[in-house]
Every structure is written in C-alpha cells, then in structure tokens.
Amino acid sequence: MSIQDIIEGKKQWRKHMARVKMLPQDYQIVYKEMQKYLFKVGPIDLPDGPLLPGIVDFFEEGAATGKGVLELIGTDVAAFCDDLIKDSRTYADVYQESISGASGTAEK
C-alpha cells in the first residue's frame, strides 16, 4: 500500500463520515453503535468493502421518507448487524481457524 493509497483512503473515509454527520441525530447514534460493533466482529473487508457506505445509503433513504431509525432496523442493533454479515468471513472466523490449526499441529 503506497502513501497515495493511504491518502486516498483517508479522503474517502472523511467523505463517508461527512455523510454520516448529515443524518438525523438518532441515525447517527445508531450508525456509530453499528460501526463499533462491526469493527469488533465484522467482516475482514469492512474498511474497504461496501457495507458501511451501504448502511449510510439505507439510512439516508429512511431519513428522507421520515422513518425513525428503529423502524428501519428494529430494536436489536446487534442482530441487524449479524444478519448483514452472516455470509461474510469475519475476524472471529480467522481466529477460530488459527486455533483449530494450532491445536492440530500441536498434536502431531
């Protein structure tokens, strides 16, 4: 990864966060909680993938129609996030694979 890639990534992240700041306050709060949760358990490609921008798109559409954020996603934010990433490879998967591989090599 070159310096130029890093700079471009930061520019894109700042634009993304500017879009988040344009959302209504309740949407911003839920987005930040989702972001925290997804960075802990989310897919490996989360920073570069389409998931976070897709959530912002979804939230912008919901806000434009006048719906509350909990009307869109329900009251269980973690369950909503889990459903979004159910088919994605996560850091937890990588960790489990490393444990499985490590115990398998220790037995040999």
Protein backbone atom coordinates (compact mmCIF):
# COMPACT_ATOMS: atom_id res chain seq x y z
CA MET A 1 0.00 0.00 0.00
CA SER A 2 1.51 3.26 -1.10
CA ILE A 3 1.28 6.64 0.56
CA GLN A 4 -1.07 7.74 -2.21
CA ASP A 5 -3.42 4.83 -1.39
CA ILE A 6 -3.42 5.81 2.27
CA ILE A 7 -4.17 9.44 1.45
CA GLU A 8 -6.98 8.44 -0.91
CA GLY A 9 -8.40 6.10 1.72
CA LYS A 10 -8.44 8.91 4.28
CA LYS A 11 -10.20 11.22 1.84
CA GLN A 12 -12.87 8.62 1.18
CA TRP A 13 -13.30 7.97 4.92
CA ARG A 14 -13.72 11.70 5.61
CA LYS A 15 -16.38 11.95 2.88
CA HIS A 16 -18.12 8.93 4.34
CA MET A 17 -18.14 10.40 7.84
CA ALA A 18 -19.39 13.74 6.47
CA ARG A 19 -22.40 11.85 5.08
CA VAL A 20 -22.97 10.28 8.49
CA LYS A 21 -22.91 13.71 10.13
CA MET A 22 -25.65 14.86 7.76
CA LEU A 23 -28.03 12.19 9.09
CA PRO A 24 -30.55 12.96 11.85
CA GLN A 25 -29.16 12.59 15.37
CA ASP A 26 -30.87 9.24 16.12
CA TYR A 27 -29.50 7.77 12.90
CA GLN A 28 -26.01 9.00 13.80
CA ILE A 29 -26.15 7.37 17.22
CA VAL A 30 -27.29 4.03 15.82
CA TYR A 31 -24.74 4.19 12.99
CA LYS A 32 -21.89 4.77 15.44
CA GLU A 33 -23.03 1.83 17.57
CA MET A 34 -23.26 -0.35 14.46
CA GLN A 35 -19.83 0.79 13.38
CA LYS A 36 -18.32 -0.10 16.76
CA TYR A 37 -19.97 -3.50 16.72
CA LEU A 38 -18.94 -4.25 13.15
CA PHE A 39 -15.33 -3.22 13.74
CA LYS A 40 -15.23 -5.72 16.63
CA VAL A 41 -16.89 -8.70 14.97
CA GLY A 42 -17.37 -7.67 11.38
CA PRO A 43 -16.05 -8.93 8.11
CA ILE A 44 -12.40 -8.75 7.19
CA ASP A 45 -13.09 -6.43 4.26
CA LEU A 46 -15.12 -3.96 6.33
CA PRO A 47 -12.88 -0.89 5.90
CA ASP A 48 -12.64 -1.30 2.12
CA GLY A 49 -15.93 -3.03 1.42
CA PRO A 50 -19.37 -1.72 0.52
CA LEU A 51 -21.06 -2.48 3.87
CA LEU A 52 -20.61 0.83 5.73
CA PRO A 53 -21.43 3.04 2.72
CA GLY A 54 -24.42 0.80 2.05
CA ILE A 55 -25.68 1.35 5.59
CA VAL A 56 -25.38 5.11 5.12
CA ASP A 57 -27.29 4.86 1.82
CA PHE A 58 -30.01 2.86 3.58
CA PHE A 59 -30.17 5.37 6.44
CA GLU A 60 -30.31 8.35 4.05
CA GLU A 61 -33.27 6.79 2.26
CA GLY A 62 -35.02 6.07 5.57
CA ALA A 63 -34.45 9.58 6.84
CA ALA A 64 -35.72 11.03 3.56
CA THR A 65 -39.01 9.13 3.97
CA GLY A 66 -39.36 10.36 7.54
CA LYS A 67 -38.97 6.97 9.23
CA GLY A 68 -37.21 6.57 12.54
CA VAL A 69 -34.05 4.54 12.55
CA LEU A 70 -35.55 1.81 14.75
CA GLU A 71 -38.44 1.45 12.30
CA LEU A 72 -35.85 0.51 9.69
CA ILE A 73 -33.63 -1.88 11.61
CA GLY A 74 -35.65 -2.94 14.65
CA THR A 75 -34.69 -2.63 18.30
CA ASP A 76 -31.86 -5.19 18.29
CA VAL A 77 -28.98 -3.44 16.55
CA ALA A 78 -26.56 -6.34 17.04
CA ALA A 79 -28.98 -8.82 15.47
CA PHE A 80 -29.41 -6.49 12.49
CA CYS A 81 -25.62 -6.27 12.09
CA ASP A 82 -25.23 -10.03 12.45
CA ASP A 83 -27.78 -10.53 9.70
CA LEU A 84 -25.84 -8.16 7.43
CA ILE A 85 -22.60 -10.10 7.83
CA LYS A 86 -23.95 -13.64 8.13
CA ASP A 87 -22.28 -14.81 4.89
CA SER A 88 -19.05 -12.85 5.32
CA ARG A 89 -15.73 -14.12 6.62
CA THR A 90 -15.05 -12.39 9.95
CA TYR A 91 -12.06 -11.92 12.21
CA ALA A 92 -13.69 -14.39 14.58
CA ASP A 93 -13.62 -16.99 11.79
CA VAL A 94 -9.93 -16.33 11.19
CA TYR A 95 -9.25 -16.66 14.90
CA GLN A 96 -11.16 -19.93 15.14
CA GLU A 97 -9.26 -21.29 12.16
CA SER A 98 -5.95 -20.33 13.73
CA ILE A 99 -6.89 -22.08 16.96
CA SER A 100 -8.00 -25.18 15.09
CA GLY A 101 -4.80 -25.19 13.07
CA ALA A 102 -2.64 -24.52 16.11
CA SER A 103 -4.16 -27.35 18.15
CA GLY A 104 -3.88 -29.70 15.15
CA THR A 105 -0.18 -29.02 14.77
CA ALA A 106 0.44 -29.38 18.49
CA GLU A 107 -1.00 -32.89 18.45
CA LYS A 108 1.36 -34.09 15.70
